[in-house]
Protein backbone atom coordinates (compact mmCIF):
# COMPACT_ATOMS: atom_id res chain seq x y z
CA UNK A 1 110.98 -226.69 76.66
CA UNK A 2 109.53 -223.22 74.77
CA UNK A 3 110.05 -223.52 71.13
CA UNK A 4 112.12 -220.41 69.41
CA UNK A 5 111.92 -219.58 66.22
CA UNK A 6 113.70 -216.86 63.95
CA UNK A 7 112.63 -216.52 60.13
CA UNK A 8 115.87 -217.31 58.62
CA UNK A 9 117.76 -215.02 56.08
CA UNK A 10 115.32 -211.79 56.97
CA UNK A 11 118.01 -209.37 57.06
CA UNK A 12 117.19 -206.33 54.82
CA UNK A 13 120.56 -204.71 53.56
CA UNK A 14 120.83 -200.87 52.42
CA UNK A 15 124.64 -200.62 52.10
CA UNK A 16 127.59 -202.47 52.55
CA UNK A 17 130.38 -200.24 51.45
CA UNK A 18 130.53 -196.34 52.35
CA UNK A 19 129.48 -194.09 48.95
CA UNK A 20 131.27 -191.52 48.06
CA UNK A 21 128.18 -189.06 48.47
CA UNK A 22 128.12 -186.74 51.06
CA UNK A 23 125.47 -187.43 53.81
CA UNK A 24 122.62 -185.26 53.35
CA UNK A 25 119.79 -184.78 55.81
CA UNK A 26 116.47 -182.78 56.15
CA UNK A 27 114.31 -182.47 60.00
CA UNK A 28 110.99 -181.68 60.68
CA UNK A 29 108.17 -182.06 63.77
CA UNK A 30 104.21 -182.71 63.01
CA UNK A 31 101.84 -182.30 65.58
CA UNK A 32 100.03 -185.51 66.31
CA UNK A 33 98.13 -184.29 69.19
CA UNK A 34 94.19 -186.08 68.87
CA UNK A 35 91.51 -183.45 68.39
CA UNK A 36 89.41 -183.95 71.40
CA UNK A 37 86.54 -182.09 69.98
CA UNK A 38 86.35 -184.56 67.12
CA UNK A 39 88.34 -187.50 68.22
CA UNK A 40 87.54 -189.50 71.46
CA UNK A 41 90.63 -191.06 72.60
CA UNK A 42 91.47 -192.37 76.06
CA UNK A 43 94.92 -192.01 78.05
CA UNK A 44 97.10 -194.86 78.16
CA UNK A 45 99.69 -196.48 80.58
CA UNK A 46 98.48 -196.72 83.84
CA UNK A 47 95.81 -199.52 85.40
CA UNK A 48 93.59 -202.08 83.60
CA UNK A 49 91.36 -199.01 82.00
CA UNK A 50 91.84 -195.45 80.09
CA UNK A 51 91.14 -192.13 81.30
CA UNK A 52 89.16 -189.57 79.37
CA UNK A 53 91.36 -186.24 78.84
CA UNK A 54 90.35 -183.33 79.71
CA UNK A 55 92.49 -181.38 77.99
CA UNK A 56 95.92 -180.93 76.24
CA UNK A 57 98.67 -179.50 78.17
CA UNK A 58 101.43 -179.65 75.19
CA UNK A 59 101.23 -181.09 72.04
CA UNK A 60 102.32 -184.61 71.00
CA UNK A 61 104.79 -184.63 68.16
CA UNK A 62 106.24 -186.91 65.53
CA UNK A 63 110.08 -185.81 64.87
CA UNK A 64 111.52 -186.86 61.53
CA UNK A 65 114.72 -187.02 60.53
CA UNK A 66 115.31 -188.19 56.69
CA UNK A 67 118.75 -188.98 56.13
CA UNK A 68 120.65 -189.85 52.48
CA UNK A 69 124.45 -190.83 51.35
CA UNK A 70 124.10 -191.85 47.78
CA UNK A 71 121.51 -193.86 46.48
CA UNK A 72 120.64 -195.09 50.37
CA UNK A 73 117.73 -193.33 52.22
CA UNK A 74 116.68 -193.84 56.08
CA UNK A 75 113.97 -192.00 57.94
CA UNK A 76 114.00 -191.78 61.63
CA UNK A 77 110.35 -191.15 63.39
CA UNK A 78 110.17 -190.28 66.96
CA UNK A 79 106.54 -190.28 68.09
CA UNK A 80 105.32 -189.01 71.52
CA UNK A 81 102.82 -192.29 71.97
CA UNK A 82 102.87 -195.11 74.67
CA UNK A 83 103.79 -197.40 71.44
CA UNK A 84 103.21 -198.30 67.97
CA UNK A 85 102.59 -201.77 66.72
CA UNK A 86 104.14 -203.39 63.85
CA UNK A 87 101.45 -203.31 61.46
CA UNK A 88 101.23 -199.58 61.99
CA UNK A 89 105.16 -199.54 61.22
CA UNK A 90 104.62 -201.35 58.44
CA UNK A 91 101.52 -199.59 57.26
CA UNK A 92 103.64 -196.46 57.60
CA UNK A 93 106.45 -197.41 55.51
CA UNK A 94 104.13 -197.97 52.91
CA UNK A 95 102.25 -194.86 52.79
CA UNK A 96 105.47 -193.02 53.06
CA UNK A 97 107.48 -195.27 50.38
CA UNK A 98 110.04 -196.16 52.81
CA UNK A 99 109.63 -199.89 52.36
CA UNK A 100 112.19 -200.49 49.68
CA UNK A 101 115.61 -202.06 49.90
CA UNK A 102 117.26 -198.73 49.44
CA UNK A 103 114.82 -196.31 51.07
CA UNK A 104 113.92 -197.78 54.85
CA UNK A 105 112.36 -196.58 58.27
CA UNK A 106 113.31 -196.56 61.81
CA UNK A 107 110.49 -195.81 64.31
CA UNK A 108 110.47 -195.31 67.85
CA UNK A 109 107.98 -194.64 70.24
CA UNK A 110 108.58 -191.66 73.51
CA UNK A 111 106.29 -194.22 75.76
CA UNK A 112 104.74 -190.76 77.33
CA UNK A 113 102.02 -192.28 79.66
CA UNK A 114 99.87 -189.28 79.19
CA UNK A 115 98.90 -189.76 75.45
CA UNK A 116 96.20 -191.87 73.40
CA UNK A 117 95.84 -195.60 73.74
CA UNK A 118 97.48 -196.82 70.50
CA UNK A 119 97.84 -200.34 71.87
CA UNK A 120 94.28 -201.56 72.47
CA UNK A 121 94.78 -201.78 75.98
CA UNK A 122 93.16 -198.72 77.76
CA UNK A 123 89.88 -198.79 76.70
CA UNK A 124 86.79 -197.81 78.61
CA UNK A 125 86.43 -200.95 80.51
CA UNK A 126 89.12 -204.31 80.72
CA UNK A 127 89.21 -205.93 77.48
CA UNK A 128 88.04 -202.91 75.46
CA UNK A 129 90.38 -201.34 73.18
CA UNK A 130 90.80 -197.64 73.54
CA UNK A 131 92.00 -196.94 70.03
CA UNK A 132 90.25 -194.32 67.67
CA UNK A 133 90.76 -195.88 64.56
CA UNK A 134 89.98 -192.60 62.59
CA UNK A 135 92.83 -190.81 64.87
CA UNK A 136 95.13 -193.39 64.27
CA UNK A 137 94.75 -193.12 60.26
CA UNK A 138 94.99 -189.96 60.14
CA UNK A 139 98.55 -189.81 62.11
CA UNK A 140 99.94 -192.16 60.01
CA UNK A 141 98.98 -190.07 56.99
CA UNK A 142 100.18 -186.74 58.46
CA UNK A 143 103.94 -188.29 59.03
CA UNK A 144 103.87 -189.75 55.74
CA UNK A 145 103.23 -186.59 53.91
CA UNK A 146 105.89 -184.55 56.12
CA UNK A 147 108.41 -187.41 55.46
CA UNK A 148 107.68 -187.13 51.07
CA UNK A 149 108.14 -183.14 52.21
CA UNK A 150 111.34 -183.81 53.55
CA UNK A 151 113.23 -185.43 50.69
CA UNK A 152 112.72 -182.61 48.65
CA UNK A 153 114.43 -180.61 51.47
CA UNK A 154 117.90 -182.85 51.94
CA UNK A 155 120.91 -180.60 52.05
CA UNK A 156 124.89 -181.94 52.84
CA UNK A 157 125.62 -182.23 56.55
CA UNK A 158 128.29 -183.39 58.69
CA UNK A 159 127.79 -185.71 61.32
CA UNK A 160 129.35 -185.80 64.48
CA UNK A 161 128.41 -188.14 67.92
CA UNK A 162 129.16 -188.63 71.35
CA UNK A 163 128.69 -191.11 74.22
CA UNK A 164 128.70 -190.01 78.17
CA UNK A 165 127.57 -191.32 81.43
CA UNK A 166 124.89 -189.17 83.07
CA UNK A 167 124.29 -189.69 86.92
CA UNK A 168 120.49 -190.86 87.21
CA UNK A 169 120.00 -189.88 90.78
CA UNK A 170 117.62 -186.90 90.86
CA UNK A 171 116.73 -188.20 87.40
CA UNK A 172 115.66 -191.77 86.82
CA UNK A 173 115.50 -194.77 89.37
CA UNK A 174 114.66 -198.38 89.25
CA UNK A 175 111.33 -199.61 90.75
CA UNK A 176 112.40 -203.32 90.78
CA UNK A 177 115.25 -205.34 92.25
CA UNK A 178 117.81 -205.95 90.82
CA UNK A 179 119.04 -202.34 90.92
CA UNK A 180 120.43 -201.58 87.95
CA UNK A 181 120.13 -198.33 85.87
CA UNK A 182 121.44 -197.68 82.19
CA UNK A 183 123.19 -193.96 83.03
CA UNK A 184 124.17 -194.12 78.89
CA UNK A 185 123.74 -190.97 77.31
CA UNK A 186 124.35 -190.75 73.54
CA UNK A 187 123.96 -187.87 71.17
CA UNK A 188 124.46 -187.20 67.18
CA UNK A 189 124.61 -183.74 65.97
CA UNK A 190 124.01 -183.01 62.55
CA UNK A 191 125.05 -179.58 61.23
CA UNK A 192 124.78 -177.67 57.62
CA UNK A 193 127.62 -176.31 56.03
CA UNK A 194 126.45 -173.24 57.04
CA UNK A 195 127.53 -174.21 60.58
CA UNK A 196 123.80 -174.30 61.49
CA UNK A 197 122.02 -177.23 63.20
CA UNK A 198 119.97 -179.40 61.21
CA UNK A 199 119.23 -182.14 64.22
CA UNK A 200 120.23 -183.70 67.32
CA UNK A 201 119.55 -187.08 68.24
CA UNK A 202 119.53 -187.94 71.74
CA UNK A 203 119.29 -191.39 73.49
CA UNK A 204 118.68 -191.89 77.23
CA UNK A 205 116.62 -194.29 79.24
CA UNK A 206 113.95 -193.55 81.35
CA UNK A 207 109.85 -194.11 81.63
CA UNK A 208 107.95 -190.91 80.46
CA UNK A 209 105.58 -191.10 83.38
CA UNK A 210 106.55 -187.82 85.40
CA UNK A 211 103.25 -186.90 85.41
CA UNK A 212 101.73 -189.64 87.26
CA UNK A 213 98.04 -191.83 86.69
CA UNK A 214 96.04 -188.99 88.02
CA UNK A 215 96.69 -186.37 85.26
CA UNK A 216 93.93 -186.06 82.77
CA UNK A 217 95.73 -183.88 80.19
CA UNK A 218 97.64 -184.91 77.24
CA UNK A 219 101.31 -184.41 77.82
CA UNK A 220 104.44 -185.58 75.83
CA UNK A 221 106.11 -185.79 79.73
CA UNK A 222 109.64 -184.97 79.94
CA UNK A 223 110.29 -185.74 76.14
CA UNK A 224 108.73 -182.65 75.18
CA UNK A 225 110.50 -180.04 77.39
CA UNK A 226 113.57 -182.31 76.34
CA UNK A 227 113.05 -181.25 72.86
CA UNK A 228 112.02 -178.03 73.49
CA UNK A 229 115.19 -177.21 75.39
CA UNK A 230 117.07 -178.64 72.57
CA UNK A 231 115.69 -176.60 69.96
CA UNK A 232 115.92 -173.41 71.59
CA UNK A 233 119.86 -173.89 72.29
CA UNK A 234 120.44 -175.30 68.76
CA UNK A 235 118.13 -173.69 66.21
CA UNK A 236 117.65 -177.01 64.71
CA UNK A 237 115.48 -180.36 65.17
CA UNK A 238 115.21 -182.65 68.13
CA UNK A 239 114.75 -186.70 68.21
CA UNK A 240 114.23 -188.23 70.98
CA UNK A 241 114.99 -191.86 71.70
CA UNK A 242 114.28 -193.69 74.60
CA UNK A 243 116.13 -196.63 75.53
CA UNK A 244 115.97 -199.12 77.94
CA UNK A 245 113.31 -198.45 80.23
CA UNK A 246 112.26 -201.88 81.52
CA UNK A 247 113.10 -203.14 85.12
CA UNK A 248 110.79 -200.66 85.78
CA UNK A 249 112.95 -197.59 84.94
CA UNK A 250 111.10 -194.51 86.37
CA UNK A 251 111.52 -190.91 86.95
CA UNK A 252 113.38 -189.98 90.34
CA UNK A 253 111.23 -186.69 90.53
CA UNK A 254 110.15 -184.95 93.75
CA UNK A 255 106.50 -184.78 92.79
CA UNK A 256 104.23 -185.62 89.44
CA UNK A 257 103.97 -182.20 88.29
CA UNK A 258 104.89 -180.52 85.07
CA UNK A 259 107.33 -178.67 86.71
CA UNK A 260 109.71 -181.86 87.40
CA UNK A 261 108.71 -183.27 83.98
CA UNK A 262 110.33 -179.55 82.51
CA UNK A 263 113.20 -180.05 84.96
CA UNK A 264 113.94 -183.62 83.96
CA UNK A 265 114.02 -182.89 80.30
CA UNK A 266 116.11 -179.60 80.68
CA UNK A 267 118.61 -181.54 82.98
CA UNK A 268 118.89 -184.42 80.31
CA UNK A 269 119.17 -181.93 77.19
CA UNK A 270 121.76 -179.75 79.07
CA UNK A 271 123.84 -183.08 79.61
CA UNK A 272 123.58 -184.76 76.02
CA UNK A 273 124.21 -181.34 74.53
CA UNK A 274 127.36 -180.61 76.56
CA UNK A 275 129.11 -184.05 75.08
CA UNK A 276 132.15 -184.25 73.44
CA UNK A 277 131.62 -185.34 69.82
CA UNK A 278 134.02 -186.97 66.98
CA UNK A 279 133.17 -187.50 63.47
CA UNK A 280 135.27 -190.54 62.91
CA UNK A 281 135.25 -193.56 62.47
CA UNK A 282 132.20 -192.90 60.35
CA UNK A 283 130.04 -195.74 58.63
CA UNK A 284 128.09 -196.17 55.97
CA UNK A 285 123.94 -194.97 56.28
CA UNK A 286 122.88 -198.42 56.46
CA UNK A 287 119.56 -199.95 58.24
CA UNK A 288 119.29 -203.85 58.65
CA UNK A 289 116.40 -205.55 60.63
CA UNK A 290 116.39 -208.98 61.57
CA UNK A 291 112.70 -210.40 61.74
CA UNK A 292 111.93 -212.48 64.63
CA UNK A 293 108.86 -214.89 65.31
CA UNK A 294 107.78 -214.24 69.17
CA UNK A 295 105.42 -216.84 71.09
CA UNK A 296 102.84 -215.27 72.77
CA UNK A 297 102.85 -216.91 76.46
CA UNK A 298 101.05 -214.23 78.44
CA UNK A 299 97.75 -215.81 79.58
CA UNK A 300 96.11 -212.22 79.93
CA UNK A 301 96.97 -211.22 76.30
CA UNK A 302 96.08 -214.61 74.91
CA UNK A 303 92.47 -213.75 76.64
CA UNK A 304 92.57 -210.38 75.09
CA UNK A 305 93.63 -211.44 71.59
CA UNK A 306 90.94 -210.01 69.66
CA UNK A 307 91.72 -206.38 71.05
CA UNK A 308 95.26 -206.70 70.52
CA UNK A 309 95.61 -208.44 67.22
CA UNK A 310 95.00 -205.09 65.15
CA UNK A 311 98.65 -204.70 65.26
CA UNK A 312 100.06 -207.80 64.76
CA UNK A 313 99.47 -211.16 62.37
CA UNK A 314 99.43 -214.43 64.56
CA UNK A 315 100.90 -217.18 63.47
CA UNK A 316 101.16 -220.75 64.49
CA UNK A 317 103.99 -223.25 65.78
CA UNK A 318 104.48 -224.00 62.09
CA UNK A 319 105.47 -220.26 61.09
CA UNK A 320 102.14 -220.10 59.25
CA UNK A 321 99.88 -216.98 59.38
CA UNK A 322 96.39 -217.78 61.11
CA UNK A 323 92.92 -216.24 59.56
CA UNK A 324 91.92 -212.97 61.73
CA UNK A 325 88.73 -215.05 63.01
CA UNK A 326 91.34 -217.11 64.80
CA UNK A 327 92.02 -214.49 67.50
CA UNK A 328 88.47 -215.06 68.91
CA UNK A 329 88.79 -218.95 69.11
CA UNK A 330 92.32 -219.28 70.77
CA UNK A 331 90.90 -216.37 73.31
CA UNK A 332 87.84 -218.84 73.82
CA UNK A 333 90.34 -221.79 74.14
CA UNK A 334 92.46 -219.91 76.57
CA UNK A 335 89.89 -219.07 78.87
CA UNK A 336 88.46 -223.04 78.61
CA UNK A 337 90.98 -225.20 78.06
CA UNK A 338 94.46 -223.53 78.00
CA UNK A 339 96.58 -223.67 75.09
CA UNK A 340 99.98 -225.17 74.77
CA UNK A 341 103.04 -224.87 72.79
CA UNK A 342 101.35 -226.50 70.08
CA UNK A 343 98.22 -224.25 69.95
CA UNK A 344 99.64 -220.68 71.41
CA UNK A 345 100.19 -217.80 69.02
CA UNK A 346 103.01 -216.46 67.82
CA UNK A 347 103.75 -212.58 66.58
CA UNK A 348 106.31 -211.56 63.97
CA UNK A 349 108.25 -208.30 65.03
CA UNK A 350 112.15 -206.87 64.50
CA UNK A 351 115.09 -205.93 65.63
CA UNK A 352 117.02 -203.39 63.95
CA UNK A 353 120.10 -201.58 63.45
CA UNK A 354 120.73 -198.58 62.08
CA UNK A 355 124.22 -197.06 61.45
CA UNK A 356 124.81 -193.19 60.45
CA UNK A 357 128.00 -191.36 60.69
CA UNK A 358 129.73 -192.26 64.03
CA UNK A 359 126.67 -193.81 65.16
CA UNK A 360 125.05 -197.33 65.74
CA UNK A 361 121.37 -197.43 66.83
CA UNK A 362 120.23 -201.14 67.89
CA UNK A 363 116.21 -200.66 68.00
CA UNK A 364 114.57 -203.56 69.77
CA UNK A 365 110.47 -204.11 70.02
CA UNK A 366 109.95 -203.48 73.52
CA UNK A 367 110.70 -202.33 76.88
CA UNK A 368 114.21 -203.98 77.75
CA UNK A 369 115.35 -204.74 81.17
CA UNK A 370 118.46 -202.60 81.58
CA UNK A 371 120.34 -205.73 82.83
CA UNK A 372 120.00 -207.19 78.97
CA UNK A 373 122.14 -204.30 78.06
CA UNK A 374 124.57 -203.43 80.57
CA UNK A 375 124.59 -206.57 82.87
CA UNK A 376 125.58 -204.71 86.16
CA UNK A 377 124.55 -207.53 88.52
CA UNK A 378 127.91 -206.35 90.77
CA UNK A 379 126.14 -203.02 91.66
CA UNK A 380 128.47 -200.69 89.27
CA UNK A 381 125.10 -199.57 88.30
CA UNK A 382 122.92 -199.23 91.47
CA UNK A 383 124.21 -195.70 91.71
CA UNK A 384 124.71 -195.90 95.60
CA UNK A 385 121.65 -198.44 96.08
CA UNK A 386 122.05 -201.89 97.25
CA UNK A 387 121.57 -204.34 94.23
CA UNK A 388 118.56 -206.40 96.28
CA UNK A 389 116.48 -204.04 98.58
CA UNK A 390 116.86 -205.36 102.03
CA UNK A 391 113.71 -206.88 103.14
CA UNK A 392 112.63 -208.24 99.23
CA UNK A 393 110.58 -211.23 100.18
CA UNK A 394 111.22 -212.74 97.09
CA UNK A 395 114.38 -211.49 95.82
CA UNK A 396 116.19 -212.50 92.15
CA UNK A 397 118.67 -215.08 92.10
CA UNK A 398 121.76 -213.49 90.97
CA UNK A 399 123.69 -216.57 90.38
CA UNK A 400 121.26 -217.41 87.52
CA UNK A 401 121.73 -214.37 86.03
CA UNK A 402 123.17 -214.22 82.17
CA UNK A 403 126.73 -213.67 81.55
CA UNK A 404 128.33 -210.91 79.23
CA UNK A 405 128.53 -210.22 76.84
CA UNK A 406 125.88 -207.78 76.86
CA UNK A 407 124.03 -205.62 73.96
CA UNK A 408 126.18 -202.41 74.71
CA UNK A 409 128.87 -204.89 74.57
CA UNK A 410 128.14 -205.77 71.00
CA UNK A 411 127.29 -202.09 69.97
CA UNK A 412 130.59 -200.46 69.21
CA UNK A 413 130.61 -197.09 67.90
CA UNK A 414 131.80 -193.29 69.33
CA UNK A 415 127.90 -192.76 69.65
CA UNK A 416 126.52 -196.44 70.47
CA UNK A 417 122.53 -195.77 71.34
CA UNK A 418 120.45 -198.76 72.49
CA UNK A 419 116.83 -197.42 71.55
CA UNK A 420 113.42 -199.18 72.84
CA UNK A 421 109.99 -199.74 71.49
CA UNK A 422 111.37 -199.59 68.06
CA UNK A 423 109.16 -200.53 65.05
CA UNK A 424 106.86 -202.24 67.67
CA UNK A 425 105.78 -202.84 71.17
CA UNK A 426 105.47 -206.47 72.61
CA UNK A 427 106.22 -205.03 76.38
CA UNK A 428 108.71 -206.25 78.64
CA UNK A 429 111.60 -207.84 77.78
CA UNK A 430 112.27 -209.81 81.44
CA UNK A 431 115.13 -211.88 82.07
CA UNK A 432 114.11 -215.51 82.12
CA UNK A 433 116.21 -216.26 85.57
CA UNK A 434 113.61 -213.40 87.37
CA UNK A 435 110.63 -213.80 85.38
CA UNK A 436 107.91 -214.97 87.92
CA UNK A 437 104.10 -214.78 87.36
CA UNK A 438 100.93 -216.53 89.13
CA UNK A 439 99.93 -219.99 86.98
CA UNK A 440 96.32 -218.10 87.17
CA UNK A 441 95.12 -217.15 84.02
CA UNK A 442 94.68 -213.24 84.80
CA UNK A 443 98.21 -213.89 86.32
CA UNK A 444 96.81 -212.36 89.54
CA UNK A 445 97.57 -211.65 92.31
CA UNK A 446 101.22 -210.74 91.45
CA UNK A 447 103.93 -212.49 93.33
CA UNK A 448 105.63 -210.52 96.23
CA UNK A 449 108.93 -208.65 95.41
CA UNK A 450 107.65 -206.59 92.68
CA UNK A 451 106.59 -208.67 89.51
CA UNK A 452 104.53 -206.04 87.79
CA UNK A 453 106.49 -206.47 84.31
CA UNK A 454 105.31 -209.81 84.14
CA UNK A 455 101.88 -209.35 83.23
CA UNK A 456 102.58 -206.88 80.84
CA UNK A 457 105.26 -208.88 79.12
CA UNK A 458 104.54 -211.07 75.94
CA UNK A 459 106.22 -214.11 77.78
CA UNK A 460 109.73 -215.50 79.39
CA UNK A 461 110.75 -216.69 75.73
CA UNK A 462 110.87 -212.96 74.74
CA UNK A 463 113.94 -211.92 76.01
CA UNK A 464 116.12 -214.86 75.15
CA UNK A 465 114.91 -214.28 71.44
CA UNK A 466 115.79 -211.18 71.54
CA UNK A 467 119.22 -211.47 72.77
CA UNK A 468 120.02 -214.14 70.19
CA UNK A 469 118.78 -211.77 67.56
CA UNK A 470 120.71 -208.86 68.54
CA UNK A 471 124.09 -211.17 68.48
CA UNK A 472 123.11 -212.16 65.14
CA UNK A 473 122.23 -208.69 63.64
CA UNK A 474 125.62 -207.32 65.44
CA UNK A 475 127.80 -210.16 64.23
CA UNK A 476 126.38 -209.87 60.41
CA UNK A 477 127.23 -206.00 60.56
CA UNK A 478 130.63 -206.23 61.47
């Protein structure tokens, strides 16, 4: 039986009662595009090695929103990056000063597959990191400096939130059985007393990979034109938060080109801006975290530990932090003897819950399968497709699928938002009933029936750990 551990009493509370002070906000975006003349980077997201960029099609941004209510401050950051590890998020919290009980930071990645490798998985060769450390440090410093500037620009705002269903056909599809697509679309609008938009936060679920693996230009993919459309129509800032994109939620595009990225981004933006919004009921500004420990069960990740651990501290099965050199000896042991439950390494991560006005945002540290969030095994979210594709040689056994309540059942608010790749990136959270992987150390060949996600998941225990952490966090915040 795989051991599951959670750090006890690791919940940070920023507010318990609603203060009398008004909600204030300020928003901006900062360009985090690598300078290709001075910063050598590798594009990440496809295959086992990176791609050398030949230019920039459109900028990558960090989109920033600072909120204050009474003595409580929260920074929301959305970065046009494939992912950002926990150590990087902790660095940014320290650099920006959002690392105290009354000042906290919530960061999410849009998961563009045409941006620089920030995870150490897409270098020039398999097992060699593609991360440019100087660029990495520069972007964190740039974001931290911008957050400090925004604190001097806070002004009173009203908050309105809404939620609806967006038919995914022509926008996003599921490339793996069971065919379940999260169609939920959420919006939070922050408007100043002068009636002008300060920021619009949008939550929707799909991989940012309209522009495919043959692209050699840096691009934010569809989140770029999505935010550009919102900025054009509202005059305020836009923050896009990607959702439950495992499964795998991939664009339902007619071609892999920038026209299609523009079409999908604009369609989602228009749908979000058309949602009906309300201002009540509203909760006090609060951000809570539940820290969790997750075992690294993926043998490929174990073999590549030295390239990956710049993003996480390692722990043993007794919750003791391991020295950095252990990454090398553990990788060697995995290659020669293999690791077991007593010797496998663990990493620390977190689940988060943010309340702002009528919106409640649940953040999970990876790419969750949508069925963890909405269920849908009965076909209600398959949108015209059979739940199990005819001829699937290795179909999932839906009789073993987890039962309700699912995450969306637990996150109750006028504007509920489920946000993926939040404060970390642990890969895919695959429901354990359908976690099927080759027993070989390199996890190849992949099993029939489309089981790519297992090779890019930290392991089969992760989904259950996240389920338990979400339930505890929401229960504590009722």
